[in-house]
Amino acid sequence: MYQLFYLPGACSLATQVILRELRQEVELINIQHIDNFKKINPVGTVPVLRDGTNTMFEGAAILLHILNKHENCMLPEKGVSRQKAIQDIMFANATMHPAYGKLFFIGQNISDEDVKKIAFNAAAKNINQLWKVIENKLNGKTFLGGNTPSAADIMLAVYSRWGASFPVDIVFGDKATKLLNAVQEMSNFKKSVEAEQTVSTK
């Protein structure tokens, strides 16, 4: 059984969803219930995944580990399709995730309301540009990986939920909206959200 260290609603949610899609048992550990999480991960971020004696950090690295380890349709075995799937994961992790991360930074570190508004609008403009990139990538297909949800689709669906916590206008195109709705309607997505809430109340 895997152990997944998480924060409710954070990017660790994508890891949990994908583990469930891979039919893997997972024990959830809310880091808010740990006295000194930095003893486990000095950076203090989630997800952290324990696979036996191996403790892993960094979301994209964790996802590639479990996708390589377990048979699945989300990461092709070879060729251009595999390269594109990895590229999509990296786009979600290294481009879209930091763009949303700026919203959290602004909310926590800027006190001047006028400056904060300008910063939020600039961050939202960047995020909206990235969603236009996704919209263009979806020409002729439902998901980034084709006809079935990919790991990157699941990651993007998690990040897309964060904008609602801030005074910004995030715009999703029609195709992106269809993708996000489909992913969030997946049974394992719903189970993962519910599991986080259940563990968090214990």
Protein backbone atom coordinates (compact mmCIF):
# COMPACT_ATOMS: atom_id res chain seq x y z
CA MET A 1 0.00 0.00 0.00
CA TYR A 2 1.16 3.50 -0.83
CA GLN A 3 1.19 6.33 1.71
CA LEU A 4 0.28 9.73 0.29
CA PHE A 5 0.94 12.90 2.26
CA TYR A 6 -1.50 15.60 1.17
CA LEU A 7 -3.25 18.88 1.83
CA PRO A 8 -6.97 19.08 1.04
CA GLY A 9 -7.52 20.39 -2.48
CA ALA A 10 -3.81 20.71 -3.23
CA CYS A 11 -1.99 19.18 -6.20
CA SER A 12 -1.67 15.95 -4.18
CA LEU A 13 -5.31 15.37 -5.13
CA ALA A 14 -4.19 14.51 -8.67
CA THR A 15 -1.79 11.90 -7.31
CA GLN A 16 -4.58 10.26 -5.34
CA VAL A 17 -6.93 10.22 -8.34
CA ILE A 18 -4.31 8.61 -10.54
CA LEU A 19 -3.45 6.00 -7.89
CA ARG A 20 -7.14 5.08 -7.78
CA GLU A 21 -7.26 4.93 -11.57
CA LEU A 22 -4.36 2.49 -11.36
CA ARG A 23 -6.37 0.44 -8.82
CA GLN A 24 -3.77 0.94 -6.10
CA GLU A 25 -4.53 1.07 -2.39
CA VAL A 26 -3.43 4.28 -0.72
CA GLU A 27 -3.30 5.52 2.85
CA LEU A 28 -3.92 9.26 3.07
CA ILE A 29 -2.00 11.36 5.61
CA ASN A 30 -3.04 14.99 6.05
CA ILE A 31 0.14 16.96 6.75
CA GLN A 32 -1.89 19.34 8.93
CA HIS A 33 -1.98 16.48 11.44
CA ILE A 34 1.82 16.11 11.48
CA ASP A 35 3.85 18.09 14.04
CA ASN A 36 6.89 18.66 11.81
CA PHE A 37 6.24 17.70 8.20
CA LYS A 38 9.58 19.24 7.15
CA LYS A 39 11.30 16.27 8.76
CA ILE A 40 9.69 14.24 6.00
CA ASN A 41 10.03 16.80 3.22
CA PRO A 42 12.40 19.69 3.99
CA VAL A 43 10.70 21.81 1.34
CA GLY A 44 7.35 21.36 3.08
CA THR A 45 5.35 20.73 -0.10
CA VAL A 46 2.94 18.00 -1.18
CA PRO A 47 2.59 15.46 -2.61
CA VAL A 48 4.97 13.12 -0.87
CA LEU A 49 4.55 9.44 -1.65
CA ARG A 50 5.95 6.47 0.23
CA ASP A 51 6.34 3.30 -1.77
CA GLY A 52 7.70 0.81 0.73
CA THR A 53 11.00 2.22 1.95
CA ASN A 54 11.19 4.71 -0.90
CA THR A 55 9.97 8.24 -0.09
CA MET A 56 9.39 10.36 -3.18
CA PHE A 57 8.93 14.09 -3.71
CA GLU A 58 7.83 16.36 -6.57
CA GLY A 59 4.45 15.72 -8.18
CA ALA A 60 5.57 15.05 -11.76
CA ALA A 61 8.32 12.66 -10.65
CA ILE A 62 5.85 10.78 -8.45
CA LEU A 63 3.35 10.46 -11.28
CA LEU A 64 5.93 9.20 -13.74
CA HIS A 65 7.08 6.64 -11.14
CA ILE A 66 3.63 5.16 -10.60
CA LEU A 67 2.66 5.33 -14.27
CA ASN A 68 5.83 3.49 -15.22
CA LYS A 69 5.29 0.93 -12.46
CA HIS A 70 1.67 -0.01 -13.14
CA GLU A 71 -0.02 -1.00 -16.37
CA ASN A 72 -2.22 1.81 -17.65
CA CYS A 73 -3.51 3.72 -20.66
CA MET A 74 -2.36 7.14 -19.47
CA LEU A 75 1.33 6.81 -20.35
CA PRO A 76 2.11 5.11 -23.68
CA GLU A 77 5.02 2.70 -23.57
CA LYS A 78 7.08 4.28 -26.33
CA GLY A 79 7.27 6.58 -29.30
CA VAL A 80 5.96 10.05 -30.01
CA SER A 81 2.75 9.45 -28.06
CA ARG A 82 4.79 8.74 -24.90
CA GLN A 83 6.89 11.86 -25.43
CA LYS A 84 3.74 13.95 -25.83
CA ALA A 85 2.16 12.47 -22.69
CA ILE A 86 5.27 13.34 -20.67
CA GLN A 87 5.34 16.80 -22.22
CA ASP A 88 1.71 17.34 -21.18
CA ILE A 89 2.52 16.28 -17.60
CA MET A 90 5.43 18.71 -17.50
CA PHE A 91 3.30 21.52 -18.93
CA ALA A 92 0.72 20.97 -16.20
CA ASN A 93 3.32 20.67 -13.45
CA ALA A 94 5.92 23.26 -14.48
CA THR A 95 3.84 25.84 -16.35
CA MET A 96 0.17 25.80 -15.29
CA HIS A 97 0.79 24.91 -11.63
CA PRO A 98 3.23 27.82 -10.99
CA ALA A 99 0.87 30.20 -12.79
CA TYR A 100 -1.87 29.35 -10.30
CA GLY A 101 0.70 29.36 -7.50
CA LYS A 102 1.17 33.09 -8.04
CA LEU A 103 -2.41 33.64 -6.86
CA PHE A 104 -1.58 32.06 -3.51
CA PHE A 105 1.62 34.09 -3.22
CA ILE A 106 -0.19 37.33 -3.94
CA GLY A 107 -2.97 36.55 -1.48
CA GLN A 108 -0.53 35.72 1.30
CA ASN A 109 2.18 38.34 0.77
CA ILE A 110 0.71 41.57 -0.62
CA SER A 111 -1.24 43.72 1.83
CA ASP A 112 -1.80 46.87 -0.26
CA GLU A 113 -5.22 46.30 -1.85
CA ASP A 114 -4.52 48.34 -4.99
CA VAL A 115 -1.23 46.54 -5.62
CA LYS A 116 -2.88 43.21 -4.85
CA LYS A 117 -5.63 43.85 -7.42
CA ILE A 118 -3.09 44.69 -10.12
CA ALA A 119 -1.07 41.57 -9.28
CA PHE A 120 -4.16 39.33 -9.29
CA ASN A 121 -5.23 40.68 -12.70
CA ALA A 122 -1.75 40.11 -14.14
CA ALA A 123 -1.65 36.55 -12.80
CA ALA A 124 -5.14 35.84 -14.15
CA LYS A 125 -4.15 37.16 -17.58
CA ASN A 126 -1.25 34.72 -17.68
CA ILE A 127 -3.45 31.80 -16.55
CA ASN A 128 -6.04 32.63 -19.21
CA GLN A 129 -3.35 32.63 -21.88
CA LEU A 130 -2.32 29.15 -20.77
CA TRP A 131 -5.90 27.91 -20.97
CA LYS A 132 -5.99 29.19 -24.54
CA VAL A 133 -2.97 26.97 -25.21
CA ILE A 134 -4.91 24.02 -23.80
CA GLU A 135 -7.95 24.95 -25.91
CA ASN A 136 -5.82 24.85 -29.06
CA LYS A 137 -4.29 21.52 -28.05
CA LEU A 138 -7.78 20.01 -27.83
CA ASN A 139 -8.65 20.56 -31.49
CA GLY A 140 -10.10 17.28 -32.73
CA LYS A 141 -9.96 15.46 -29.39
CA THR A 142 -11.72 15.39 -26.04
CA PHE A 143 -8.65 15.02 -23.80
CA LEU A 144 -4.98 15.88 -24.20
CA GLY A 145 -4.22 12.18 -24.54
CA GLY A 146 -7.03 11.49 -27.00
CA ASN A 147 -10.33 9.84 -26.11
CA THR A 148 -9.57 8.99 -22.47
CA PRO A 149 -8.34 11.19 -19.60
CA SER A 150 -4.57 11.46 -19.22
CA ALA A 151 -2.54 12.21 -16.12
CA ALA A 152 -2.15 15.79 -17.35
CA ASP A 153 -5.92 16.18 -17.75
CA ILE A 154 -6.38 15.14 -14.12
CA MET A 155 -3.66 17.54 -12.95
CA LEU A 156 -5.24 20.42 -14.87
CA ALA A 157 -8.67 19.64 -13.43
CA VAL A 158 -7.26 19.93 -9.91
CA TYR A 159 -5.53 23.25 -10.63
CA SER A 160 -8.62 24.67 -12.34
CA ARG A 161 -10.51 24.54 -9.03
CA TRP A 162 -8.10 26.95 -7.31
CA GLY A 163 -9.16 30.11 -9.13
CA ALA A 164 -12.51 30.16 -7.31
CA SER A 165 -10.69 31.07 -4.08
CA PHE A 166 -9.49 34.40 -5.49
CA PRO A 167 -11.06 37.59 -6.92
CA VAL A 168 -10.06 36.76 -10.48
CA ASP A 169 -11.87 35.89 -13.70
CA ILE A 170 -10.45 32.68 -15.11
CA VAL A 171 -11.82 31.90 -18.57
CA PHE A 172 -12.01 28.36 -19.95
CA GLY A 173 -12.77 27.67 -23.58
CA ASP A 174 -15.58 25.33 -24.59
CA LYS A 175 -13.29 22.37 -25.19
CA ALA A 176 -11.35 22.93 -21.97
CA THR A 177 -14.59 23.23 -20.03
CA LYS A 178 -15.78 19.93 -21.47
CA LEU A 179 -12.50 18.28 -20.49
CA LEU A 180 -12.56 19.67 -16.95
CA ASN A 181 -16.18 18.70 -16.38
CA ALA A 182 -15.56 15.17 -17.65
CA VAL A 183 -12.55 14.67 -15.38
CA GLN A 184 -14.32 16.01 -12.31
CA GLU A 185 -17.23 13.66 -12.99
CA MET A 186 -14.93 10.63 -12.92
CA SER A 187 -15.87 8.32 -10.05
CA ASN A 188 -12.27 8.20 -8.80
CA PHE A 189 -12.05 11.99 -8.82
CA LYS A 190 -15.18 12.22 -6.68
CA LYS A 191 -13.95 9.44 -4.38
CA SER A 192 -10.63 11.20 -3.93
CA VAL A 193 -12.23 14.53 -3.00
CA GLU A 194 -14.52 12.76 -0.53
CA ALA A 195 -11.61 10.78 0.94
CA GLU A 196 -9.63 13.97 1.55
CA GLN A 197 -12.57 15.51 3.37
CA THR A 198 -13.13 12.37 5.45
CA VAL A 199 -9.49 12.10 6.55
CA SER A 200 -9.31 15.83 7.24
CA THR A 201 -12.13 15.64 9.79
CA LYS A 202 -10.57 12.83 11.81
